[in-house]
Amino acid sequence: MAKRERPKAITLTDAAAARVKEIIENSDKEIVGVRIGVEKGGCAGMAYTMEYAEEIGPMDEVVEDKGVRVLIDPKAILFLLGTEMDFEVGKLSSSFQFNNPNAIDACGCGESVTIQPVPEDALQ
């Protein structure tokens, strides 16, 4: 029986990769990448987090895509599997967007989502 291929934890669009590179290059400290996670919050239950990563944690999932290193918080991996990270520029604001196949609902303001975790056997 062939082993099922595990989906990538996260992929980046060209726009997201370019913006992450710019953020890292403009940082005033040594950055190894950006760390992505999720936390409880917002009216839909969960919100995405993103921060500078000064070091790689022992349990971080490390994803290299388009010349960018993204670290996934180990508590978030089941919520983020298969997610595409994009960067959108609008007339009044710009922001990272997460196109997450595990999101089952979102609040009206777009600040939080309801995410159903991927079954753990998908990691094997």
Protein backbone atom coordinates (compact mmCIF):
# COMPACT_ATOMS: atom_id res chain seq x y z
CA MET A 1 0.00 0.00 0.00
CA ALA A 2 1.47 3.36 -1.05
CA LYS A 3 2.07 5.89 1.67
CA ARG A 4 -0.24 8.89 1.37
CA GLU A 5 1.64 12.13 0.70
CA ARG A 6 1.21 14.68 3.46
CA PRO A 7 -0.08 18.05 2.25
CA LYS A 8 2.21 21.06 2.67
CA ALA A 9 1.53 22.88 5.88
CA ILE A 10 1.41 26.23 4.10
CA THR A 11 2.27 27.72 0.72
CA LEU A 12 2.84 31.34 -0.22
CA THR A 13 1.74 33.32 -3.22
CA ASP A 14 4.38 35.42 -4.98
CA ALA A 15 2.92 38.54 -3.33
CA ALA A 16 3.13 37.03 0.17
CA ALA A 17 6.70 35.81 -0.38
CA ALA A 18 7.79 39.25 -1.61
CA ARG A 19 6.20 40.99 1.39
CA VAL A 20 7.73 38.55 3.91
CA LYS A 21 11.17 39.08 2.30
CA GLU A 22 10.68 42.84 2.59
CA ILE A 23 9.66 42.55 6.25
CA ILE A 24 12.70 40.42 7.08
CA GLU A 25 15.10 42.71 5.19
CA ASN A 26 13.75 45.79 7.01
CA SER A 27 13.91 44.27 10.48
CA ASP A 28 16.34 45.85 12.93
CA LYS A 29 17.26 42.44 14.39
CA GLU A 30 18.37 39.06 13.05
CA ILE A 31 15.28 37.20 11.81
CA VAL A 32 15.23 33.56 10.61
CA GLY A 33 11.69 33.81 9.22
CA VAL A 34 8.14 34.47 10.29
CA ARG A 35 6.15 32.32 12.70
CA ILE A 36 2.50 31.65 11.92
CA GLY A 37 -0.02 30.32 14.41
CA VAL A 38 -3.60 30.51 15.55
CA GLU A 39 -5.07 31.65 18.84
CA LYS A 40 -8.50 31.71 20.40
CA GLY A 41 -10.20 35.01 19.80
CA GLY A 42 -12.66 37.01 17.79
CA CYS A 43 -16.33 36.35 17.30
CA ALA A 44 -15.76 33.23 15.13
CA GLY A 45 -13.42 31.58 17.64
CA MET A 46 -9.88 31.73 16.22
CA ALA A 47 -7.52 34.32 14.78
CA TYR A 48 -4.28 33.94 12.84
CA THR A 49 -1.05 35.15 14.43
CA MET A 50 2.15 36.20 12.72
CA GLU A 51 5.40 37.37 14.28
CA TYR A 52 9.12 37.65 13.66
CA ALA A 53 11.01 34.46 14.42
CA GLU A 54 14.48 35.03 15.84
CA GLU A 55 15.14 31.30 16.19
CA ILE A 56 13.67 27.99 15.13
CA GLY A 57 11.95 26.20 17.99
CA PRO A 58 12.55 22.46 18.43
CA MET A 59 8.92 21.63 17.57
CA ASP A 60 8.37 24.24 14.82
CA GLU A 61 7.29 22.98 11.42
CA VAL A 62 9.70 24.66 8.98
CA VAL A 63 8.39 25.46 5.50
CA GLU A 64 10.61 26.92 2.77
CA ASP A 65 8.63 28.37 -0.13
CA LYS A 66 9.70 30.88 -2.78
CA GLY A 67 12.86 31.79 -0.86
CA VAL A 68 11.01 32.45 2.39
CA ARG A 69 11.13 30.52 5.66
CA VAL A 70 7.85 30.18 7.51
CA LEU A 71 7.71 28.51 10.92
CA ILE A 72 4.45 26.96 12.01
CA ASP A 73 3.65 26.90 15.70
CA PRO A 74 3.32 23.19 16.59
CA LYS A 75 -0.09 23.79 18.23
CA ALA A 76 -1.38 25.25 14.95
CA ILE A 77 -0.22 22.68 12.41
CA LEU A 78 -3.49 20.71 12.31
CA PHE A 79 -5.42 23.95 11.76
CA LEU A 80 -3.17 25.22 8.95
CA LEU A 81 -2.45 22.18 6.76
CA GLY A 82 -3.04 23.09 3.13
CA THR A 83 -3.33 26.85 3.75
CA GLU A 84 -2.21 29.38 1.16
CA MET A 85 -0.87 32.68 2.50
CA ASP A 86 -1.42 35.71 0.27
CA PHE A 87 -0.72 39.43 0.58
CA GLU A 88 -3.37 41.80 -0.74
CA VAL A 89 -3.06 45.53 -1.26
CA GLY A 90 -6.26 47.55 -1.31
CA LYS A 91 -7.04 51.25 -1.60
CA LEU A 92 -7.11 51.81 2.16
CA SER A 93 -5.20 48.89 3.62
CA SER A 94 -2.94 45.95 2.94
CA SER A 95 -2.80 42.66 4.79
CA PHE A 96 -1.88 39.01 4.72
CA GLN A 97 -4.79 36.73 3.85
CA PHE A 98 -5.02 33.05 4.71
CA ASN A 99 -6.90 30.86 2.25
CA ASN A 100 -7.45 27.93 4.57
CA PRO A 101 -9.33 24.82 3.38
CA ASN A 102 -9.95 23.93 7.04
CA ALA A 103 -11.88 27.15 7.76
CA ILE A 104 -15.57 26.38 8.05
CA ASP A 105 -16.86 29.83 9.01
CA ALA A 106 -15.71 33.44 9.37
CA CYS A 107 -17.00 36.48 11.16
CA GLY A 108 -18.48 39.34 9.19
CA CYS A 109 -15.54 41.67 9.83
CA GLY A 110 -13.00 39.11 8.61
CA GLU A 111 -10.90 39.24 11.76
CA SER A 112 -11.53 35.68 12.95
CA VAL A 113 -12.45 32.24 11.63
CA THR A 114 -13.76 28.91 12.77
CA ILE A 115 -11.23 26.23 11.82
CA GLN A 116 -11.76 22.50 11.91
CA PRO A 117 -8.42 20.72 12.55
CA VAL A 118 -7.18 18.12 10.09
CA PRO A 119 -7.32 14.61 11.58
CA GLU A 120 -3.96 13.62 13.07
CA ASP A 121 -3.70 10.60 10.75
CA ALA A 122 -3.26 13.08 7.87
CA LEU A 123 0.22 13.78 9.25
CA GLN A 124 1.39 10.22 8.71
